[in-house]
Amino acid sequence: NIGHIYKELGQWKNTIKNYKSALGIHLKLNNKLEKANSLYNIHLVYLYLNKPKKGLKKLKEAVKAFQEALKVYTLDNFPLDYAGIQNNLGVAYSNLALVEDKVDNCNLAIQAHQEALRVKTINKFPINYAMTQNNLGVVYVTLSEIQDKVINCQLAIIAYQEALKVYTLDNFSLDYAGSQNNLGNAYKCLSQVKDRVTNCKKAIQAHQEALKVSTLDNFPIEYAMTQNNLGVAYNNLSQVEDRVNNCKKAIH
């Protein structure tokens, strides 16, 4: 897809132009799945360009288009397409939850990802399974911000741990680092309401695992993000244990 190439090059005007051109073709051909994908891609570009209103409009259109596609790509007749659409729908609902109706959209996202997992099992499709579990963890953390913090943080942790059964350090190092960083954030979230010392230490351990991959030389942005998360974990721990040393580690 030429639009994807322009996106990788950072040529955003050409990216939008080509995505819209592709959308026009898919509309003429009545290709419901590719229509949904094009709308979602346009939404992502608008977000990157800091045009949230346009991005939100396209995101809602993408959700409707994914729902329409599911009328064609059913679980019984097209299980692989069904699972892929459900995963994309889950991500779309997750993004929508960040701006409106957080509880409802998180629950819809969870439902969609769980539907995807009916097909994308760890034995048959391990990479897709891990990706969907990681997405599921993100939604549970978002939901935990306003509802059932303990339960949703614990569900997020379980989801990330499932992803890490596939995303190992040796075989999928970048995904391993991302999931470990997410896992650390989930433990930090849980530490706010339960077993602060234990969960802060688990958060620290997870972020340190991520730093085995996200080094300053190779991945400076991810390194900085993970170091920041690690600092927060040490700061949280300092409030209940070994204040001076943990504050020093947070600063470092």
Protein backbone atom coordinates (compact mmCIF):
# COMPACT_ATOMS: atom_id res chain seq x y z
CA ASN A 1 0.00 0.00 0.00
CA ILE A 2 1.50 3.30 -1.12
CA GLY A 3 -0.17 5.09 1.80
CA HIS A 4 1.77 2.92 4.25
CA ILE A 5 5.03 3.77 2.48
CA TYR A 6 4.35 7.50 2.69
CA LYS A 7 3.46 7.02 6.37
CA GLU A 8 6.82 5.36 7.05
CA LEU A 9 8.52 8.28 5.28
CA GLY A 10 6.59 10.80 7.36
CA GLN A 11 4.97 12.35 4.26
CA TRP A 12 1.59 12.87 5.88
CA LYS A 13 -0.19 14.82 3.13
CA ASN A 14 0.61 12.09 0.63
CA THR A 15 -0.38 9.47 3.21
CA ILE A 16 -3.83 11.01 3.67
CA LYS A 17 -4.24 11.45 -0.08
CA ASN A 18 -3.48 7.80 -0.80
CA TYR A 19 -5.57 6.45 2.06
CA LYS A 20 -8.54 8.51 0.84
CA SER A 21 -7.94 7.31 -2.71
CA ALA A 22 -7.94 3.71 -1.48
CA LEU A 23 -11.11 4.40 0.50
CA GLY A 24 -12.84 5.65 -2.65
CA ILE A 25 -11.92 2.46 -4.50
CA HIS A 26 -13.14 0.23 -1.67
CA LEU A 27 -16.43 2.14 -1.51
CA LYS A 28 -16.99 1.61 -5.24
CA LEU A 29 -16.17 -2.09 -4.92
CA ASN A 30 -18.27 -2.37 -1.75
CA ASN A 31 -15.30 -3.97 0.02
CA LYS A 32 -16.49 -3.60 3.59
CA LEU A 33 -13.33 -4.88 5.27
CA GLU A 34 -10.90 -2.66 3.36
CA LYS A 35 -13.25 0.30 3.75
CA ALA A 36 -13.02 -0.14 7.52
CA ASN A 37 -9.24 -0.50 7.43
CA SER A 38 -8.86 2.64 5.30
CA LEU A 39 -11.03 4.69 7.64
CA TYR A 40 -9.04 3.49 10.62
CA ASN A 41 -5.74 4.35 8.92
CA ILE A 42 -7.01 7.85 8.11
CA HIS A 43 -8.01 8.26 11.76
CA LEU A 44 -4.48 7.39 12.91
CA VAL A 45 -2.90 9.95 10.59
CA TYR A 46 -5.24 12.70 11.77
CA LEU A 47 -4.30 11.91 15.36
CA TYR A 48 -0.61 12.11 14.48
CA LEU A 49 -1.23 15.46 12.81
CA ASN A 50 -2.96 16.66 16.00
CA LYS A 51 -6.38 16.96 14.37
CA PRO A 52 -8.43 15.12 17.01
CA LYS A 53 -11.88 16.17 15.75
CA LYS A 54 -11.24 14.79 12.27
CA GLY A 55 -9.58 11.74 13.81
CA LEU A 56 -12.55 11.06 16.08
CA LYS A 57 -14.99 11.33 13.18
CA LYS A 58 -13.03 8.81 11.11
CA LEU A 59 -12.63 6.53 14.12
CA LYS A 60 -16.39 6.37 14.62
CA GLU A 61 -16.85 5.72 10.91
CA ALA A 62 -14.27 2.92 11.16
CA VAL A 63 -16.14 1.31 14.07
CA LYS A 64 -19.35 1.27 12.04
CA ALA A 65 -17.50 -0.09 9.03
CA PHE A 66 -15.91 -2.91 11.07
CA GLN A 67 -19.37 -3.78 12.39
CA GLU A 68 -20.70 -3.89 8.83
CA ALA A 69 -17.79 -6.10 7.76
CA LEU A 70 -18.65 -8.58 10.51
CA LYS A 71 -22.02 -9.15 8.87
CA VAL A 72 -20.11 -10.64 5.95
CA TYR A 73 -17.04 -12.13 7.64
CA THR A 74 -18.72 -14.36 10.20
CA LEU A 75 -17.07 -16.70 12.67
CA ASP A 76 -18.46 -19.76 10.90
CA ASN A 77 -17.65 -18.80 7.32
CA PHE A 78 -14.49 -16.69 7.58
CA PRO A 79 -12.95 -17.35 11.02
CA LEU A 80 -9.55 -15.78 10.31
CA ASP A 81 -11.02 -12.59 8.85
CA TYR A 82 -13.57 -12.52 11.67
CA ALA A 83 -10.81 -12.65 14.28
CA GLY A 84 -8.76 -9.97 12.53
CA ILE A 85 -11.73 -7.62 12.30
CA GLN A 86 -12.66 -8.23 15.93
CA ASN A 87 -9.12 -7.38 17.02
CA ASN A 88 -9.13 -4.18 14.96
CA LEU A 89 -12.58 -3.32 16.30
CA GLY A 90 -11.26 -3.84 19.82
CA VAL A 91 -8.37 -1.44 19.21
CA ALA A 92 -10.78 1.10 17.72
CA TYR A 93 -13.07 0.91 20.75
CA SER A 94 -10.02 1.18 23.01
CA ASN A 95 -8.97 4.39 21.26
CA LEU A 96 -12.52 5.70 21.43
CA ALA A 97 -12.58 5.03 25.18
CA LEU A 98 -9.77 7.54 25.61
CA VAL A 99 -12.05 10.40 24.54
CA GLU A 100 -15.62 9.41 25.41
CA ASP A 101 -17.83 6.86 27.19
CA LYS A 102 -14.81 5.16 28.75
CA VAL A 103 -16.62 2.33 30.53
CA ASP A 104 -18.91 1.39 27.64
CA ASN A 105 -16.18 1.54 25.01
CA CYS A 106 -13.70 -0.38 27.16
CA ASN A 107 -16.25 -3.12 27.68
CA LEU A 108 -16.94 -3.24 23.94
CA ALA A 109 -13.19 -3.42 23.28
CA ILE A 110 -12.80 -6.29 25.75
CA GLN A 111 -15.69 -8.15 24.15
CA ALA A 112 -14.17 -7.72 20.68
CA HIS A 113 -10.70 -8.93 21.73
CA GLN A 114 -12.20 -11.92 23.50
CA GLU A 115 -14.08 -12.78 20.31
CA ALA A 116 -10.79 -12.63 18.39
CA LEU A 117 -9.24 -15.04 20.90
CA ARG A 118 -11.88 -17.64 20.06
CA VAL A 119 -9.94 -18.10 16.82
CA LYS A 120 -6.46 -16.80 17.58
CA THR A 121 -5.41 -19.39 20.14
CA ILE A 122 -1.89 -19.71 21.49
CA ASN A 123 -1.44 -23.13 19.87
CA LYS A 124 -2.65 -22.25 16.38
CA PHE A 125 -1.78 -18.55 16.05
CA PRO A 126 0.71 -17.68 18.82
CA ILE A 127 1.80 -14.29 17.45
CA ASN A 128 -1.77 -13.09 16.91
CA TYR A 129 -2.70 -14.49 20.32
CA ALA A 130 0.06 -12.50 21.99
CA MET A 131 -0.84 -9.30 20.13
CA THR A 132 -4.49 -9.60 21.11
CA GLN A 133 -3.62 -10.37 24.74
CA ASN A 134 -1.39 -7.30 24.83
CA ASN A 135 -4.24 -5.19 23.40
CA LEU A 136 -6.58 -6.68 25.99
CA GLY A 137 -4.18 -5.70 28.77
CA VAL A 138 -4.18 -2.09 27.56
CA VAL A 139 -7.98 -1.96 27.74
CA TYR A 140 -8.12 -3.42 31.24
CA VAL A 141 -5.66 -0.80 32.50
CA THR A 142 -7.73 1.97 30.91
CA LEU A 143 -10.90 0.60 32.49
CA SER A 144 -9.18 0.31 35.88
CA GLU A 145 -8.82 4.09 35.95
CA ILE A 146 -12.52 4.48 36.73
CA GLN A 147 -13.91 1.06 37.64
CA ASP A 148 -12.91 -1.94 39.76
CA LYS A 149 -9.22 -1.02 39.90
CA VAL A 150 -8.02 -4.19 41.62
CA ILE A 151 -9.88 -6.62 39.37
CA ASN A 152 -9.08 -4.83 36.13
CA CYS A 153 -5.40 -4.36 36.99
CA GLN A 154 -5.17 -8.06 37.82
CA LEU A 155 -6.85 -8.95 34.52
CA ALA A 156 -4.40 -6.68 32.70
CA ILE A 157 -1.48 -8.43 34.40
CA ILE A 158 -2.83 -11.83 33.38
CA ALA A 159 -3.23 -10.64 29.78
CA TYR A 160 0.34 -9.29 29.60
CA GLN A 161 1.69 -12.48 31.15
CA GLU A 162 -0.16 -14.46 28.48
CA ALA A 163 1.42 -12.30 25.79
CA LEU A 164 4.85 -12.92 27.31
CA LYS A 165 4.40 -16.67 26.89
CA VAL A 166 4.94 -15.94 23.20
CA TYR A 167 6.93 -12.70 23.28
CA THR A 168 10.16 -14.06 24.72
CA LEU A 169 13.40 -12.11 25.01
CA ASP A 170 15.19 -14.40 22.56
CA ASN A 171 12.51 -14.67 19.87
CA PHE A 172 10.58 -11.38 19.95
CA SER A 173 12.80 -8.95 21.81
CA LEU A 174 10.99 -5.71 20.88
CA ASP A 175 7.56 -7.12 21.69
CA TYR A 176 9.02 -8.59 24.88
CA ALA A 177 10.22 -5.16 25.94
CA GLY A 178 6.89 -3.55 25.11
CA SER A 179 4.87 -6.12 27.03
CA GLN A 180 7.25 -5.98 30.00
CA ASN A 181 6.90 -2.21 30.11
CA ASN A 182 3.11 -2.54 29.94
CA LEU A 183 3.24 -5.19 32.67
CA GLY A 184 5.24 -2.82 34.85
CA ASN A 185 2.62 -0.12 34.40
CA ALA A 186 -0.14 -2.55 35.36
CA TYR A 187 1.72 -3.51 38.54
CA LYS A 188 2.18 0.20 39.37
CA CYS A 189 -1.54 0.72 38.88
CA LEU A 190 -2.34 -2.20 41.18
CA SER A 191 0.14 -0.96 43.79
CA GLN A 192 -2.02 2.13 44.30
CA VAL A 193 -4.71 0.04 45.97
CA LYS A 194 -3.15 -3.29 46.95
CA ASP A 195 0.16 -4.63 48.30
CA ARG A 196 2.12 -1.49 47.45
CA VAL A 197 5.58 -2.81 48.27
CA THR A 198 5.18 -6.13 46.47
CA ASN A 199 3.59 -4.65 43.36
CA CYS A 200 6.02 -1.74 43.15
CA LYS A 201 8.89 -4.22 43.22
CA LYS A 202 7.23 -6.30 40.51
CA ALA A 203 6.80 -3.13 38.44
CA ILE A 204 10.48 -2.31 38.87
CA GLN A 205 11.47 -5.82 37.83
CA ALA A 206 9.30 -5.64 34.69
CA HIS A 207 10.68 -2.24 33.64
CA GLN A 208 14.22 -3.49 34.19
CA GLU A 209 13.45 -6.45 31.93
CA ALA A 210 12.27 -4.03 29.25
CA LEU A 211 15.55 -2.12 29.53
CA LYS A 212 17.47 -5.24 28.50
CA VAL A 213 16.16 -4.46 25.02
CA SER A 214 15.28 -0.76 25.09
CA THR A 215 18.80 0.59 25.44
CA LEU A 216 19.85 4.22 25.10
CA ASP A 217 21.93 3.51 22.00
CA ASN A 218 19.47 1.34 20.09
CA PHE A 219 16.04 2.62 21.14
CA PRO A 220 16.45 6.03 22.81
CA ILE A 221 12.74 6.93 22.84
CA GLU A 222 11.66 3.61 24.37
CA TYR A 223 14.63 3.82 26.76
CA ALA A 224 13.53 7.25 27.98
CA MET A 225 9.91 6.16 28.36
CA THR A 226 10.83 3.04 30.31
CA GLN A 227 13.29 4.90 32.51
CA ASN A 228 10.55 7.39 33.32
CA ASN A 229 8.20 4.55 34.25
CA LEU A 230 10.93 2.99 36.36
CA GLY A 231 11.46 6.29 38.16
CA VAL A 232 7.76 6.49 38.98
CA ALA A 233 7.85 2.96 40.39
CA TYR A 234 10.83 3.77 42.62
CA ASN A 235 9.16 6.99 43.75
CA ASN A 236 5.99 5.10 44.66
CA LEU A 237 8.03 2.55 46.58
CA SER A 238 9.89 5.30 48.42
CA GLN A 239 6.63 6.39 50.02
CA VAL A 240 6.43 3.18 52.02
CA GLU A 241 9.94 1.68 52.09
CA ASP A 242 13.56 2.89 52.27
CA ARG A 243 12.67 6.44 51.30
CA VAL A 244 16.16 7.84 50.76
CA ASN A 245 17.58 5.02 48.64
CA ASN A 246 14.47 4.62 46.51
CA CYS A 247 14.26 8.38 45.93
CA LYS A 248 17.88 8.31 44.77
CA LYS A 249 17.07 5.45 42.39
CA ALA A 250 14.05 7.36 41.09
CA ILE A 251 16.24 10.41 40.38
CA HIS A 252 18.92 8.27 38.76
